[in-house]
Amino acid sequence: MAELITTPNLPDPDGFYEELLAAHDGLSKAESDALNARLILLLANHIGDRRALSQALTAARRVGSEAGSKAP
């Protein structure tokens, strides 16, 4: 099983980010949330490594909680 890659590993990350934002253009909040859920499940299926997916969930939650705990 592979370890989760957390260092930059995506060619043209800005291009992907633009494409991701464009995919959400014109969608309601509910539609955007559903798109994100479908995208996550498609990518999880593609990755297919349960350990790496668990590490990703842990890392994403940790980063989210760190961002939420910082008061301006």
PDB file of N, CA and C in Angstrom:
ATOM      1  N   MET A   1       0.837  -1.189   0.000  1.00  0.00           N
ATOM      2  CA  MET A   1       0.000   0.000   0.000  1.00  0.00           C
ATOM      3  C   MET A   1       0.877   1.246   0.000  1.00  0.00           C
ATOM      4  N   ALA A   2       0.399   2.261  -0.655  1.00  0.00           N
ATOM      5  CA  ALA A   2       1.163   3.497  -0.792  1.00  0.00           C
ATOM      6  C   ALA A   2       0.883   4.456   0.356  1.00  0.00           C
ATOM      7  N   GLU A   3       1.892   5.253   0.653  1.00  0.00           N
ATOM      8  CA  GLU A   3       1.716   6.352   1.605  1.00  0.00           C
ATOM      9  C   GLU A   3       1.063   7.516   0.861  1.00  0.00           C
ATOM     10  N   LEU A   4       0.323   8.308   1.579  1.00  0.00           N
ATOM     11  CA  LEU A   4      -0.303   9.494   1.013  1.00  0.00           C
ATOM     12  C   LEU A   4       0.775  10.494   0.618  1.00  0.00           C
ATOM     13  N   ILE A   5       0.699  10.995  -0.591  1.00  0.00           N
ATOM     14  CA  ILE A   5       1.630  12.017  -1.072  1.00  0.00           C
ATOM     15  C   ILE A   5       1.061  13.373  -0.680  1.00  0.00           C
ATOM     16  N   THR A   6       1.809  14.124   0.118  1.00  0.00           N
ATOM     17  CA  THR A   6       1.333  15.438   0.542  1.00  0.00           C
ATOM     18  C   THR A   6       2.200  16.573   0.001  1.00  0.00           C
ATOM     19  N   THR A   7       3.241  16.221  -0.728  1.00  0.00           N
ATOM     20  CA  THR A   7       4.061  17.239  -1.379  1.00  0.00           C
ATOM     21  C   THR A   7       3.470  17.531  -2.756  1.00  0.00           C
ATOM     22  N   PRO A   8       3.723  18.716  -3.316  1.00  0.00           N
ATOM     23  CA  PRO A   8       3.164  19.044  -4.634  1.00  0.00           C
ATOM     24  C   PRO A   8       3.480  17.947  -5.655  1.00  0.00           C
ATOM     25  N   ASN A   9       2.429  17.481  -6.338  1.00  0.00           N
ATOM     26  CA  ASN A   9       2.576  16.337  -7.229  1.00  0.00           C
ATOM     27  C   ASN A   9       1.688  16.466  -8.462  1.00  0.00           C
ATOM     28  N   LEU A  10       1.121  17.620  -8.684  1.00  0.00           N
ATOM     29  CA  LEU A  10       0.153  17.809  -9.759  1.00  0.00           C
ATOM     30  C   LEU A  10       0.733  18.740 -10.814  1.00  0.00           C
ATOM     31  N   PRO A  11       0.867  18.237 -12.055  1.00  0.00           N
ATOM     32  CA  PRO A  11       1.310  19.147 -13.108  1.00  0.00           C
ATOM     33  C   PRO A  11       0.236  20.218 -13.343  1.00  0.00           C
ATOM     34  N   ASP A  12       0.646  21.436 -13.513  1.00  0.00           N
ATOM     35  CA  ASP A  12      -0.264  22.551 -13.773  1.00  0.00           C
ATOM     36  C   ASP A  12      -1.366  22.664 -12.719  1.00  0.00           C
ATOM     37  N   PRO A  13      -0.997  22.835 -11.442  1.00  0.00           N
ATOM     38  CA  PRO A  13      -2.022  22.934 -10.405  1.00  0.00           C
ATOM     39  C   PRO A  13      -2.956  24.124 -10.602  1.00  0.00           C
ATOM     40  N   ASP A  14      -2.443  25.234 -11.120  1.00  0.00           N
ATOM     41  CA  ASP A  14      -3.304  26.393 -11.355  1.00  0.00           C
ATOM     42  C   ASP A  14      -4.351  26.092 -12.422  1.00  0.00           C
ATOM     43  N   GLY A  15      -3.944  25.388 -13.459  1.00  0.00           N
ATOM     44  CA  GLY A  15      -4.883  25.001 -14.512  1.00  0.00           C
ATOM     45  C   GLY A  15      -5.972  24.089 -13.989  1.00  0.00           C
ATOM     46  N   PHE A  16      -5.584  23.143 -13.124  1.00  0.00           N
ATOM     47  CA  PHE A  16      -6.584  22.258 -12.533  1.00  0.00           C
ATOM     48  C   PHE A  16      -7.536  23.038 -11.642  1.00  0.00           C
ATOM     49  N   TYR A  17      -7.003  23.963 -10.849  1.00  0.00           N
ATOM     50  CA  TYR A  17      -7.845  24.758  -9.961  1.00  0.00           C
ATOM     51  C   TYR A  17      -8.856  25.573 -10.768  1.00  0.00           C
ATOM     52  N   GLU A  18      -8.408  26.161 -11.866  1.00  0.00           N
ATOM     53  CA  GLU A  18      -9.323  26.905 -12.746  1.00  0.00           C
ATOM     54  C   GLU A  18     -10.414  25.990 -13.291  1.00  0.00           C
ATOM     55  N   GLU A  19     -10.033  24.779 -13.698  1.00  0.00           N
ATOM     56  CA  GLU A  19     -11.001  23.817 -14.222  1.00  0.00           C
ATOM     57  C   GLU A  19     -12.001  23.399 -13.140  1.00  0.00           C
ATOM     58  N   LEU A  20     -11.506  23.211 -11.927  1.00  0.00           N
ATOM     59  CA  LEU A  20     -12.377  22.850 -10.812  1.00  0.00           C
ATOM     60  C   LEU A  20     -13.381  23.963 -10.525  1.00  0.00           C
ATOM     61  N   LEU A  21     -12.900  25.204 -10.482  1.00  0.00           N
ATOM     62  CA  LEU A  21     -13.812  26.331 -10.260  1.00  0.00           C
ATOM     63  C   LEU A  21     -14.833  26.450 -11.387  1.00  0.00           C
ATOM     64  N   ALA A  22     -14.391  26.263 -12.620  1.00  0.00           N
ATOM     65  CA  ALA A  22     -15.289  26.354 -13.772  1.00  0.00           C
ATOM     66  C   ALA A  22     -16.378  25.280 -13.715  1.00  0.00           C
ATOM     67  N   ALA A  23     -16.038  24.116 -13.181  1.00  0.00           N
ATOM     68  CA  ALA A  23     -17.028  23.039 -13.068  1.00  0.00           C
ATOM     69  C   ALA A  23     -18.166  23.423 -12.126  1.00  0.00           C
ATOM     70  N   HIS A  24     -17.901  24.366 -11.226  1.00  0.00           N
ATOM     71  CA  HIS A  24     -18.909  24.806 -10.249  1.00  0.00           C
ATOM     72  C   HIS A  24     -19.689  26.039 -10.718  1.00  0.00           C
ATOM     73  N   ASP A  25     -19.255  26.652 -11.800  1.00  0.00           N
ATOM     74  CA  ASP A  25     -19.936  27.854 -12.301  1.00  0.00           C
ATOM     75  C   ASP A  25     -21.412  27.589 -12.550  1.00  0.00           C
ATOM     76  N   GLY A  26     -22.248  28.468 -12.019  1.00  0.00           N
ATOM     77  CA  GLY A  26     -23.683  28.388 -12.259  1.00  0.00           C
ATOM     78  C   GLY A  26     -24.424  27.376 -11.410  1.00  0.00           C
ATOM     79  N   LEU A  27     -23.722  26.684 -10.523  1.00  0.00           N
ATOM     80  CA  LEU A  27     -24.383  25.684  -9.685  1.00  0.00           C
ATOM     81  C   LEU A  27     -24.847  26.314  -8.379  1.00  0.00           C
ATOM     82  N   SER A  28     -25.952  25.792  -7.866  1.00  0.00           N
ATOM     83  CA  SER A  28     -26.393  26.195  -6.532  1.00  0.00           C
ATOM     84  C   SER A  28     -25.464  25.567  -5.508  1.00  0.00           C
ATOM     85  N   LYS A  29     -25.600  25.963  -4.248  1.00  0.00           N
ATOM     86  CA  LYS A  29     -24.785  25.383  -3.173  1.00  0.00           C
ATOM     87  C   LYS A  29     -25.004  23.876  -3.111  1.00  0.00           C
ATOM     88  N   ALA A  30     -26.246  23.437  -3.198  1.00  0.00           N
ATOM     89  CA  ALA A  30     -26.558  22.001  -3.138  1.00  0.00           C
ATOM     90  C   ALA A  30     -25.962  21.260  -4.337  1.00  0.00           C
ATOM     91  N   GLU A  31     -26.055  21.847  -5.517  1.00  0.00           N
ATOM     92  CA  GLU A  31     -25.484  21.220  -6.712  1.00  0.00           C
ATOM     93  C   GLU A  31     -23.957  21.164  -6.623  1.00  0.00           C
ATOM     94  N   SER A  32     -23.363  22.229  -6.104  1.00  0.00           N
ATOM     95  CA  SER A  32     -21.915  22.278  -5.938  1.00  0.00           C
ATOM     96  C   SER A  32     -21.449  21.230  -4.922  1.00  0.00           C
ATOM     97  N   ASP A  33     -22.173  21.103  -3.820  1.00  0.00           N
ATOM     98  CA  ASP A  33     -21.847  20.086  -2.826  1.00  0.00           C
ATOM     99  C   ASP A  33     -21.959  18.680  -3.419  1.00  0.00           C
ATOM    100  N   ALA A  34     -22.990  18.452  -4.231  1.00  0.00           N
ATOM    101  CA  ALA A  34     -23.179  17.143  -4.871  1.00  0.00           C
ATOM    102  C   ALA A  34     -22.057  16.860  -5.870  1.00  0.00           C
ATOM    103  N   LEU A  35     -21.635  17.879  -6.615  1.00  0.00           N
ATOM    104  CA  LEU A  35     -20.519  17.717  -7.543  1.00  0.00           C
ATOM    105  C   LEU A  35     -19.261  17.326  -6.774  1.00  0.00           C
ATOM    106  N   ASN A  36     -18.996  18.016  -5.661  1.00  0.00           N
ATOM    107  CA  ASN A  36     -17.822  17.689  -4.840  1.00  0.00           C
ATOM    108  C   ASN A  36     -17.888  16.256  -4.333  1.00  0.00           C
ATOM    109  N   ALA A  37     -19.055  15.826  -3.879  1.00  0.00           N
ATOM    110  CA  ALA A  37     -19.208  14.460  -3.370  1.00  0.00           C
ATOM    111  C   ALA A  37     -18.948  13.444  -4.482  1.00  0.00           C
ATOM    112  N   ARG A  38     -19.499  13.678  -5.666  1.00  0.00           N
ATOM    113  CA  ARG A  38     -19.268  12.756  -6.786  1.00  0.00           C
ATOM    114  C   ARG A  38     -17.794  12.722  -7.167  1.00  0.00           C
ATOM    115  N   LEU A  39     -17.160  13.889  -7.200  1.00  0.00           N
ATOM    116  CA  LEU A  39     -15.747  13.967  -7.550  1.00  0.00           C
ATOM    117  C   LEU A  39     -14.897  13.201  -6.537  1.00  0.00           C
ATOM    118  N   ILE A  40     -15.182  13.381  -5.259  1.00  0.00           N
ATOM    119  CA  ILE A  40     -14.438  12.679  -4.213  1.00  0.00           C
ATOM    120  C   ILE A  40     -14.583  11.170  -4.373  1.00  0.00           C
ATOM    121  N   LEU A  41     -15.796  10.699  -4.605  1.00  0.00           N
ATOM    122  CA  LEU A  41     -16.022   9.259  -4.739  1.00  0.00           C
ATOM    123  C   LEU A  41     -15.359   8.702  -5.996  1.00  0.00           C
ATOM    124  N   LEU A  42     -15.395   9.451  -7.094  1.00  0.00           N
ATOM    125  CA  LEU A  42     -14.722   9.011  -8.317  1.00  0.00           C
ATOM    126  C   LEU A  42     -13.212   8.910  -8.107  1.00  0.00           C
ATOM    127  N   LEU A  43     -12.630   9.929  -7.470  1.00  0.00           N
ATOM    128  CA  LEU A  43     -11.187   9.915  -7.222  1.00  0.00           C
ATOM    129  C   LEU A  43     -10.800   8.839  -6.208  1.00  0.00           C
ATOM    130  N   ALA A  44     -11.623   8.622  -5.187  1.00  0.00           N
ATOM    131  CA  ALA A  44     -11.351   7.569  -4.207  1.00  0.00           C
ATOM    132  C   ALA A  44     -11.362   6.207  -4.896  1.00  0.00           C
ATOM    133  N   ASN A  45     -12.306   6.004  -5.786  1.00  0.00           N
ATOM    134  CA  ASN A  45     -12.363   4.745  -6.526  1.00  0.00           C
ATOM    135  C   ASN A  45     -11.126   4.590  -7.402  1.00  0.00           C
ATOM    136  N   HIS A  46     -10.705   5.664  -8.037  1.00  0.00           N
ATOM    137  CA  HIS A  46      -9.522   5.625  -8.891  1.00  0.00           C
ATOM    138  C   HIS A  46      -8.262   5.307  -8.079  1.00  0.00           C
ATOM    139  N   ILE A  47      -8.130   5.928  -6.911  1.00  0.00           N
ATOM    140  CA  ILE A  47      -6.968   5.691  -6.049  1.00  0.00           C
ATOM    141  C   ILE A  47      -6.973   4.239  -5.568  1.00  0.00           C
ATOM    142  N   GLY A  48      -8.111   3.803  -5.050  1.00  0.00           N
ATOM    143  CA  GLY A  48      -8.292   2.411  -4.679  1.00  0.00           C
ATOM    144  C   GLY A  48      -7.445   1.905  -3.521  1.00  0.00           C
ATOM    145  N   ASP A  49      -6.785   2.757  -2.812  1.00  0.00           N
ATOM    146  CA  ASP A  49      -5.929   2.359  -1.701  1.00  0.00           C
ATOM    147  C   ASP A  49      -6.554   2.876  -0.413  1.00  0.00           C
ATOM    148  N   ARG A  50      -7.173   1.972   0.337  1.00  0.00           N
ATOM    149  CA  ARG A  50      -7.931   2.352   1.531  1.00  0.00           C
ATOM    150  C   ARG A  50      -7.060   3.065   2.566  1.00  0.00           C
ATOM    151  N   ARG A  51      -5.813   2.628   2.705  1.00  0.00           N
ATOM    152  CA  ARG A  51      -4.916   3.254   3.682  1.00  0.00           C
ATOM    153  C   ARG A  51      -4.615   4.698   3.283  1.00  0.00           C
ATOM    154  N   ALA A  52      -4.297   4.929   2.011  1.00  0.00           N
ATOM    155  CA  ALA A  52      -4.018   6.288   1.543  1.00  0.00           C
ATOM    156  C   ALA A  52      -5.256   7.172   1.692  1.00  0.00           C
ATOM    157  N   LEU A  53      -6.426   6.613   1.435  1.00  0.00           N
ATOM    158  CA  LEU A  53      -7.663   7.389   1.579  1.00  0.00           C
ATOM    159  C   LEU A  53      -7.909   7.763   3.041  1.00  0.00           C
ATOM    160  N   SER A  54      -7.650   6.836   3.948  1.00  0.00           N
ATOM    161  CA  SER A  54      -7.798   7.141   5.377  1.00  0.00           C
ATOM    162  C   SER A  54      -6.816   8.219   5.813  1.00  0.00           C
ATOM    163  N   GLN A  55      -5.583   8.151   5.299  1.00  0.00           N
ATOM    164  CA  GLN A  55      -4.592   9.176   5.607  1.00  0.00           C
ATOM    165  C   GLN A  55      -5.040  10.534   5.062  1.00  0.00           C
ATOM    166  N   ALA A  56      -5.644  10.531   3.877  1.00  0.00           N
ATOM    167  CA  ALA A  56      -6.127  11.784   3.284  1.00  0.00           C
ATOM    168  C   ALA A  56      -7.247  12.386   4.124  1.00  0.00           C
ATOM    169  N   LEU A  57      -8.163  11.555   4.592  1.00  0.00           N
ATOM    170  CA  LEU A  57      -9.246  12.051   5.449  1.00  0.00           C
ATOM    171  C   LEU A  57      -8.685  12.669   6.726  1.00  0.00           C
ATOM    172  N   THR A  58      -7.731  11.991   7.335  1.00  0.00           N
ATOM    173  CA  THR A  58      -7.116  12.499   8.560  1.00  0.00           C
ATOM    174  C   THR A  58      -6.405  13.820   8.304  1.00  0.00           C
ATOM    175  N   ALA A  59      -5.631  13.878   7.222  1.00  0.00           N
ATOM    176  CA  ALA A  59      -4.886  15.098   6.902  1.00  0.00           C
ATOM    177  C   ALA A  59      -5.840  16.251   6.590  1.00  0.00           C
ATOM    178  N   ALA A  60      -6.888  15.993   5.833  1.00  0.00           N
ATOM    179  CA  ALA A  60      -7.838  17.051   5.476  1.00  0.00           C
ATOM    180  C   ALA A  60      -8.569  17.563   6.711  1.00  0.00           C
ATOM    181  N   ARG A  61      -8.922  16.672   7.588  1.00  0.00           N
ATOM    182  CA  ARG A  61      -9.619  17.096   8.809  1.00  0.00           C
ATOM    183  C   ARG A  61      -8.686  17.905   9.700  1.00  0.00           C
ATOM    184  N   ARG A  62      -7.427  17.485   9.796  1.00  0.00           N
ATOM    185  CA  ARG A  62      -6.442  18.198  10.614  1.00  0.00           C
ATOM    186  C   ARG A  62      -6.220  19.601  10.068  1.00  0.00           C
ATOM    187  N   VAL A  63      -6.039  19.732   8.777  1.00  0.00           N
ATOM    188  CA  VAL A  63      -5.830  21.045   8.170  1.00  0.00           C
ATOM    189  C   VAL A  63      -7.064  21.909   8.362  1.00  0.00           C
ATOM    190  N   GLY A  64      -8.247  21.345   8.203  1.00  0.00           N
ATOM    191  CA  GLY A  64      -9.485  22.095   8.388  1.00  0.00           C
ATOM    192  C   GLY A  64      -9.664  22.559   9.819  1.00  0.00           C
ATOM    193  N   SER A  65      -9.318  21.718  10.773  1.00  0.00           N
ATOM    194  CA  SER A  65      -9.487  22.108  12.175  1.00  0.00           C
ATOM    195  C   SER A  65      -8.440  23.138  12.579  1.00  0.00           C
ATOM    196  N   GLU A  66      -7.242  23.068  11.989  1.00  0.00           N
ATOM    197  CA  GLU A  66      -6.226  24.073  12.277  1.00  0.00           C
ATOM    198  C   GLU A  66      -6.653  25.431  11.730  1.00  0.00           C
ATOM    199  N   ALA A  67      -7.230  25.438  10.538  1.00  0.00           N
ATOM    200  CA  ALA A  67      -7.679  26.696   9.939  1.00  0.00           C
ATOM    201  C   ALA A  67      -8.831  27.276  10.740  1.00  0.00           C
ATOM    202  N   GLY A  68      -9.727  26.410  11.240  1.00  0.00           N
ATOM    203  CA  GLY A  68     -10.870  26.873  11.992  1.00  0.00           C
ATOM    204  C   GLY A  68     -10.511  27.366  13.373  1.00  0.00           C
ATOM    205  N   SER A  69      -9.371  26.938  13.893  1.00  0.00           N
ATOM    206  CA  SER A  69      -9.014  27.339  15.261  1.00  0.00           C
ATOM    207  C   SER A  69      -8.240  28.644  15.312  1.00  0.00           C
ATOM    208  N   LYS A  70      -7.850  29.160  14.172  1.00  0.00           N
ATOM    209  CA  LYS A  70      -7.083  30.410  14.137  1.00  0.00           C
ATOM    210  C   LYS A  70      -8.047  31.597  14.086  1.00  0.00           C
ATOM    211  N   ALA A  71      -8.067  32.350  15.130  1.00  0.00           N
ATOM    212  CA  ALA A  71      -8.930  33.529  15.185  1.00  0.00           C
ATOM    213  C   ALA A  71      -8.175  34.720  14.602  1.00  0.00           C
ATOM    214  N   PRO A  72      -8.876  35.582  13.855  1.00  0.00           N
ATOM    215  CA  PRO A  72      -8.203  36.771  13.293  1.00  0.00           C
ATOM    216  C   PRO A  72      -7.804  37.755  14.364  1.00  0.00           C
TER     217      PRO A  72
END
